[in-house]
Every structure is written in C-alpha cells, then in structure tokens.
Amino acid sequence: MDIQRINPTKRWSDVTVFNGIAHFVEVAEQDTSADMTGQVNQIFAQAEEMLASVGSDKSRLLSVTIYVTDFANFDALNVAWEAWLPEGCAPSRACVKVELADPNLLVEMAFVAAAGQQ
C-alpha cells in the first residue's frame, strides 16, 4: 500500500495517510501569544482544514495525544475540547505535560483520524 504525504518537507508532512488512517500534528500558528483557549481554538481550526484535506472531519477522529506545558491550563483545554467535538464522537485521548520547543506554545496536539476516500 502506498503512503500519501501531504505537503512534505525535510522535517515533516502536513498529513500522512496510510491504509485509510491519517496522522498529523498541530500547534497554534497564527498567534502564539494567545492564551490556552486561543491556542486550542487555532489548533482546532487547523485540524479541521487537515481533516478536510483527506476527506474527513472531527467526527472521524480516532485518537488525539495532547501535550500541554502547564496543567494549570487543563480546565480551559477541556472546556474548548468539549465545545468543539460533536456529541458522542470523542476519540481516545491522552494528555501529558511537556516542554515544547517554542516557549510561547502552550499546547500541541497529535491527531489520528479515519480518512475518506481519496
């Protein structure tokens, strides 16, 4: 089976699809000075674009790994998360505390989703 790489660079691809499963990672790209809610909402908007690029949507998420720099922001993350997901479509999820490469980033998310027919 072929591996589909969308917008590959030397360091990463925007999305990698294999066997009908899409993998991609998002961080806030527009405003890294935003608070947790602002950064999470940027990530969600970007994720929706990546999902659409592989014929998918947020109801087809399989799992998300969330990396946060401070658990003091956990409640804000959860409020945004619950507002974003359609009822009954929550994927499996892990949330871990980390140090991110850019100190302005508060959160990074790694998504896995069922892709549509390409």
N, C-alpha and C. Protein backbone atom coordinates (compact mmCIF):
# COMPACT_ATOMS: atom_id res chain seq x y z
N MET A 1 0.83 -1.18 0.00
CA MET A 1 0.00 0.00 0.00
C MET A 1 0.87 1.25 0.00
N ASP A 2 0.40 2.24 -0.70
CA ASP A 2 1.13 3.49 -0.78
C ASP A 2 0.90 4.35 0.46
N ILE A 3 1.89 5.16 0.77
CA ILE A 3 1.79 6.16 1.82
C ILE A 3 1.59 7.50 1.13
N GLN A 4 0.56 8.22 1.53
CA GLN A 4 0.29 9.54 0.97
C GLN A 4 0.82 10.59 1.95
N ARG A 5 1.67 11.49 1.45
CA ARG A 5 2.22 12.57 2.27
C ARG A 5 1.76 13.89 1.67
N ILE A 6 1.04 14.66 2.47
CA ILE A 6 0.52 15.94 2.00
C ILE A 6 1.47 17.05 2.44
N ASN A 7 1.95 17.83 1.47
CA ASN A 7 2.89 18.93 1.71
C ASN A 7 4.13 18.50 2.48
N PRO A 8 4.85 17.49 2.00
CA PRO A 8 6.05 17.04 2.72
C PRO A 8 7.18 18.07 2.64
N THR A 9 7.91 18.18 3.73
CA THR A 9 9.14 18.99 3.78
C THR A 9 10.24 18.07 4.28
N LYS A 10 11.42 18.61 4.52
CA LYS A 10 12.50 17.78 5.05
C LYS A 10 12.24 17.32 6.48
N ARG A 11 11.43 18.09 7.24
CA ARG A 11 11.19 17.76 8.64
C ARG A 11 9.86 17.08 8.91
N TRP A 12 8.83 17.38 8.13
CA TRP A 12 7.52 16.78 8.37
C TRP A 12 6.63 16.92 7.16
N SER A 13 5.52 16.21 7.20
CA SER A 13 4.43 16.38 6.23
C SER A 13 3.25 16.94 6.99
N ASP A 14 2.42 17.74 6.31
CA ASP A 14 1.23 18.26 6.99
C ASP A 14 0.34 17.13 7.46
N VAL A 15 0.15 16.12 6.61
CA VAL A 15 -0.63 14.94 6.95
C VAL A 15 0.03 13.74 6.28
N THR A 16 0.04 12.61 6.98
CA THR A 16 0.50 11.36 6.40
C THR A 16 -0.66 10.37 6.50
N VAL A 17 -0.98 9.74 5.37
CA VAL A 17 -2.10 8.79 5.34
C VAL A 17 -1.57 7.43 4.89
N PHE A 18 -1.92 6.40 5.66
CA PHE A 18 -1.58 5.03 5.30
C PHE A 18 -2.75 4.14 5.68
N ASN A 19 -3.16 3.31 4.75
CA ASN A 19 -4.20 2.32 5.00
C ASN A 19 -5.48 2.98 5.54
N GLY A 20 -5.80 4.18 5.03
CA GLY A 20 -7.04 4.85 5.41
C GLY A 20 -6.99 5.60 6.72
N ILE A 21 -5.81 5.68 7.33
CA ILE A 21 -5.65 6.36 8.62
C ILE A 21 -4.72 7.56 8.42
N ALA A 22 -5.21 8.75 8.85
CA ALA A 22 -4.45 9.99 8.71
C ALA A 22 -3.81 10.36 10.05
N HIS A 23 -2.57 10.83 9.97
CA HIS A 23 -1.82 11.29 11.15
C HIS A 23 -1.34 12.71 10.87
N PHE A 24 -1.53 13.60 11.84
CA PHE A 24 -0.99 14.95 11.70
C PHE A 24 -0.88 15.60 13.07
N VAL A 25 -0.06 16.64 13.14
CA VAL A 25 0.21 17.35 14.39
C VAL A 25 -0.03 18.83 14.17
N GLU A 26 -0.64 19.47 15.18
CA GLU A 26 -0.92 20.90 15.08
C GLU A 26 -0.46 21.64 16.32
N VAL A 27 0.04 22.86 16.09
CA VAL A 27 0.30 23.85 17.13
C VAL A 27 -0.31 25.16 16.65
N ALA A 28 -0.49 26.10 17.55
CA ALA A 28 -1.01 27.41 17.17
C ALA A 28 -0.04 28.06 16.19
N GLU A 29 -0.55 28.48 15.04
CA GLU A 29 0.32 29.08 14.03
C GLU A 29 0.09 30.57 13.85
N GLN A 30 -1.13 31.04 14.12
CA GLN A 30 -1.47 32.45 13.86
C GLN A 30 -1.01 33.37 14.97
N ASP A 31 -1.24 32.98 16.23
CA ASP A 31 -0.96 33.86 17.36
C ASP A 31 -0.46 33.04 18.53
N THR A 32 0.87 32.93 18.64
CA THR A 32 1.45 32.14 19.73
C THR A 32 1.43 32.89 21.06
N SER A 33 0.99 34.15 21.05
CA SER A 33 0.86 34.89 22.32
C SER A 33 -0.52 34.68 22.94
N ALA A 34 -1.41 33.98 22.25
CA ALA A 34 -2.77 33.73 22.76
C ALA A 34 -2.72 32.85 24.00
N ASP A 35 -3.77 32.95 24.83
CA ASP A 35 -3.89 32.08 25.99
C ASP A 35 -4.26 30.67 25.54
N MET A 36 -4.44 29.78 26.49
CA MET A 36 -4.72 28.38 26.16
C MET A 36 -5.95 28.25 25.28
N THR A 37 -7.03 28.93 25.61
CA THR A 37 -8.24 28.84 24.80
C THR A 37 -7.97 29.31 23.38
N GLY A 38 -7.26 30.40 23.23
CA GLY A 38 -6.93 30.92 21.90
C GLY A 38 -6.07 29.96 21.10
N GLN A 39 -5.07 29.38 21.74
CA GLN A 39 -4.20 28.44 21.03
C GLN A 39 -4.96 27.16 20.67
N VAL A 40 -5.77 26.67 21.58
CA VAL A 40 -6.55 25.45 21.30
C VAL A 40 -7.51 25.69 20.13
N ASN A 41 -8.17 26.83 20.12
CA ASN A 41 -9.11 27.12 19.03
C ASN A 41 -8.39 27.26 17.69
N GLN A 42 -7.18 27.80 17.69
CA GLN A 42 -6.38 27.84 16.45
C GLN A 42 -6.07 26.42 15.99
N ILE A 43 -5.67 25.57 16.92
CA ILE A 43 -5.36 24.18 16.58
C ILE A 43 -6.59 23.48 16.01
N PHE A 44 -7.75 23.69 16.62
CA PHE A 44 -8.96 23.06 16.12
C PHE A 44 -9.29 23.51 14.70
N ALA A 45 -9.14 24.80 14.43
CA ALA A 45 -9.41 25.31 13.07
C ALA A 45 -8.45 24.68 12.06
N GLN A 46 -7.18 24.60 12.43
CA GLN A 46 -6.18 23.99 11.55
C GLN A 46 -6.47 22.50 11.37
N ALA A 47 -6.87 21.83 12.45
CA ALA A 47 -7.17 20.39 12.37
C ALA A 47 -8.34 20.15 11.42
N GLU A 48 -9.34 21.00 11.47
CA GLU A 48 -10.47 20.84 10.56
C GLU A 48 -10.03 20.96 9.10
N GLU A 49 -9.09 21.87 8.83
CA GLU A 49 -8.56 22.00 7.47
C GLU A 49 -7.80 20.74 7.05
N MET A 50 -6.98 20.21 7.95
CA MET A 50 -6.22 18.99 7.62
C MET A 50 -7.17 17.81 7.43
N LEU A 51 -8.17 17.69 8.28
CA LEU A 51 -9.14 16.61 8.12
C LEU A 51 -9.86 16.71 6.78
N ALA A 52 -10.27 17.92 6.42
CA ALA A 52 -10.96 18.12 5.14
C ALA A 52 -10.04 17.74 3.97
N SER A 53 -8.74 17.99 4.13
CA SER A 53 -7.81 17.69 3.03
C SER A 53 -7.71 16.20 2.73
N VAL A 54 -8.14 15.36 3.68
CA VAL A 54 -8.12 13.91 3.47
C VAL A 54 -9.54 13.34 3.47
N GLY A 55 -10.53 14.20 3.21
CA GLY A 55 -11.90 13.74 3.11
C GLY A 55 -12.50 13.28 4.44
N SER A 56 -12.08 13.91 5.52
CA SER A 56 -12.53 13.50 6.84
C SER A 56 -13.07 14.72 7.59
N ASP A 57 -13.48 14.49 8.84
CA ASP A 57 -13.91 15.58 9.71
C ASP A 57 -13.73 15.14 11.16
N LYS A 58 -14.02 16.05 12.09
CA LYS A 58 -13.74 15.79 13.51
C LYS A 58 -14.56 14.64 14.08
N SER A 59 -15.65 14.26 13.44
CA SER A 59 -16.42 13.12 13.92
C SER A 59 -15.71 11.80 13.64
N ARG A 60 -14.65 11.84 12.83
CA ARG A 60 -13.92 10.63 12.44
C ARG A 60 -12.55 10.52 13.14
N LEU A 61 -12.35 11.34 14.19
CA LEU A 61 -11.11 11.24 14.96
C LEU A 61 -11.07 9.91 15.70
N LEU A 62 -9.91 9.28 15.69
CA LEU A 62 -9.72 8.02 16.39
C LEU A 62 -9.01 8.22 17.72
N SER A 63 -7.99 9.08 17.71
CA SER A 63 -7.27 9.39 18.95
C SER A 63 -6.56 10.72 18.81
N VAL A 64 -6.33 11.34 19.95
CA VAL A 64 -5.58 12.60 19.99
C VAL A 64 -4.66 12.55 21.21
N THR A 65 -3.39 12.84 20.99
CA THR A 65 -2.44 12.99 22.09
C THR A 65 -2.20 14.48 22.26
N ILE A 66 -2.43 14.97 23.46
CA ILE A 66 -2.33 16.40 23.74
C ILE A 66 -1.13 16.63 24.65
N TYR A 67 -0.27 17.54 24.25
CA TYR A 67 0.91 17.90 25.01
C TYR A 67 0.70 19.31 25.55
N VAL A 68 0.68 19.47 26.87
CA VAL A 68 0.49 20.78 27.49
C VAL A 68 1.73 21.14 28.31
N THR A 69 2.00 22.43 28.40
CA THR A 69 3.17 22.87 29.15
C THR A 69 2.87 23.14 30.62
N ASP A 70 1.57 23.28 30.95
CA ASP A 70 1.20 23.60 32.32
C ASP A 70 -0.21 23.08 32.59
N PHE A 71 -0.34 22.19 33.56
CA PHE A 71 -1.66 21.64 33.88
C PHE A 71 -2.60 22.68 34.48
N ALA A 72 -2.10 23.87 34.80
CA ALA A 72 -2.99 24.95 35.24
C ALA A 72 -3.95 25.34 34.11
N ASN A 73 -3.60 25.02 32.87
CA ASN A 73 -4.43 25.31 31.70
C ASN A 73 -5.37 24.17 31.33
N PHE A 74 -5.36 23.10 32.11
CA PHE A 74 -6.12 21.90 31.77
C PHE A 74 -7.62 22.15 31.68
N ASP A 75 -8.17 22.93 32.63
CA ASP A 75 -9.61 23.20 32.60
C ASP A 75 -10.01 23.97 31.34
N ALA A 76 -9.23 24.97 30.95
CA ALA A 76 -9.53 25.74 29.73
C ALA A 76 -9.46 24.83 28.51
N LEU A 77 -8.49 23.94 28.47
CA LEU A 77 -8.38 22.96 27.38
C LEU A 77 -9.65 22.12 27.31
N ASN A 78 -10.08 21.59 28.43
CA ASN A 78 -11.25 20.71 28.44
C ASN A 78 -12.53 21.42 28.04
N VAL A 79 -12.70 22.67 28.44
CA VAL A 79 -13.89 23.43 28.04
C VAL A 79 -13.93 23.58 26.52
N ALA A 80 -12.80 23.98 25.93
CA ALA A 80 -12.73 24.13 24.48
C ALA A 80 -12.93 22.79 23.77
N TRP A 81 -12.30 21.75 24.29
CA TRP A 81 -12.40 20.40 23.72
C TRP A 81 -13.84 19.92 23.66
N GLU A 82 -14.54 20.05 24.78
CA GLU A 82 -15.92 19.57 24.85
C GLU A 82 -16.86 20.39 23.96
N ALA A 83 -16.57 21.68 23.80
CA ALA A 83 -17.39 22.53 22.93
C ALA A 83 -17.15 22.20 21.46
N TRP A 84 -15.95 21.76 21.12
CA TRP A 84 -15.57 21.52 19.72
C TRP A 84 -16.08 20.20 19.18
N LEU A 85 -16.07 19.17 19.99
CA LEU A 85 -16.42 17.83 19.49
C LEU A 85 -17.93 17.62 19.39
N PRO A 86 -18.38 16.97 18.33
CA PRO A 86 -19.79 16.60 18.24
C PRO A 86 -20.14 15.59 19.34
N GLU A 87 -21.36 15.64 19.81
CA GLU A 87 -21.83 14.71 20.83
C GLU A 87 -21.61 13.26 20.38
N GLY A 88 -21.05 12.47 21.27
CA GLY A 88 -20.86 11.06 21.01
C GLY A 88 -19.68 10.72 20.11
N CYS A 89 -18.82 11.70 19.81
CA CYS A 89 -17.71 11.47 18.88
C CYS A 89 -16.33 11.63 19.52
N ALA A 90 -16.26 11.65 20.83
CA ALA A 90 -14.95 11.84 21.47
C ALA A 90 -14.02 10.67 21.15
N PRO A 91 -12.81 10.99 20.66
CA PRO A 91 -11.83 9.92 20.39
C PRO A 91 -11.13 9.51 21.69
N SER A 92 -10.32 8.47 21.62
CA SER A 92 -9.45 8.19 22.75
C SER A 92 -8.49 9.37 22.86
N ARG A 93 -8.02 9.62 24.07
CA ARG A 93 -7.22 10.83 24.28
C ARG A 93 -6.21 10.61 25.40
N ALA A 94 -5.02 11.14 25.19
CA ALA A 94 -4.00 11.17 26.24
C ALA A 94 -3.56 12.62 26.37
N CYS A 95 -3.24 13.03 27.58
CA CYS A 95 -2.77 14.38 27.81
C CYS A 95 -1.56 14.31 28.73
N VAL A 96 -0.45 14.84 28.26
CA VAL A 96 0.79 14.78 29.04
C VAL A 96 1.41 16.17 29.15
N LYS A 97 2.12 16.39 30.24
CA LYS A 97 2.83 17.65 30.46
C LYS A 97 4.23 17.54 29.87
N VAL A 98 4.60 18.58 29.09
CA VAL A 98 5.88 18.56 28.39
C VAL A 98 6.48 19.97 28.34
N GLU A 99 7.71 20.04 27.88
CA GLU A 99 8.33 21.30 27.50
C GLU A 99 8.36 21.30 25.97
N LEU A 100 7.74 22.31 25.35
CA LEU A 100 7.72 22.39 23.89
C LEU A 100 8.90 23.21 23.39
N ALA A 101 9.29 22.99 22.14
CA ALA A 101 10.46 23.66 21.56
C ALA A 101 10.31 25.18 21.56
N ASP A 102 9.10 25.69 21.29
CA ASP A 102 8.84 27.13 21.32
C ASP A 102 8.21 27.46 22.67
N PRO A 103 8.88 28.27 23.50
CA PRO A 103 8.34 28.55 24.83
C PRO A 103 7.02 29.33 24.83
N ASN A 104 6.63 29.90 23.68
CA ASN A 104 5.35 30.60 23.58
C ASN A 104 4.18 29.63 23.40
N LEU A 105 4.46 28.43 22.95
CA LEU A 105 3.41 27.44 22.72
C LEU A 105 2.99 26.82 24.05
N LEU A 106 1.68 26.75 24.26
CA LEU A 106 1.12 26.17 25.47
C LEU A 106 0.62 24.75 25.25
N VAL A 107 0.41 24.39 23.97
CA VAL A 107 -0.21 23.10 23.68
C VAL A 107 0.15 22.65 22.27
N GLU A 108 0.27 21.36 22.09
CA GLU A 108 0.48 20.73 20.79
C GLU A 108 -0.40 19.49 20.78
N MET A 109 -0.98 19.18 19.62
CA MET A 109 -1.87 18.02 19.53
C MET A 109 -1.49 17.15 18.34
N ALA A 110 -1.43 15.83 18.59
CA ALA A 110 -1.19 14.85 17.55
C ALA A 110 -2.48 14.09 17.31
N PHE A 111 -2.99 14.19 16.07
CA PHE A 111 -4.29 13.62 15.71
C PHE A 111 -4.12 12.35 14.88
N VAL A 112 -5.03 11.42 15.07
CA VAL A 112 -5.17 10.24 14.23
C VAL A 112 -6.65 10.14 13.86
N ALA A 113 -6.92 10.02 12.56
CA ALA A 113 -8.31 10.01 12.10
C ALA A 113 -8.51 9.05 10.95
N ALA A 114 -9.73 8.59 10.81
CA ALA A 114 -10.10 7.81 9.64
C ALA A 114 -10.22 8.78 8.46
N ALA A 115 -9.48 8.50 7.40
CA ALA A 115 -9.52 9.35 6.22
C ALA A 115 -10.66 8.89 5.31
N GLY A 116 -11.11 9.79 4.47
CA GLY A 116 -12.15 9.44 3.49
C GLY A 116 -11.51 8.82 2.27
N GLN A 117 -12.31 8.56 1.29
CA GLN A 117 -11.81 8.00 0.04
C GLN A 117 -11.11 9.10 -0.76
N GLN A 118 -9.88 8.86 -1.14
CA GLN A 118 -9.11 9.84 -1.93
C GLN A 118 -8.99 9.38 -3.36
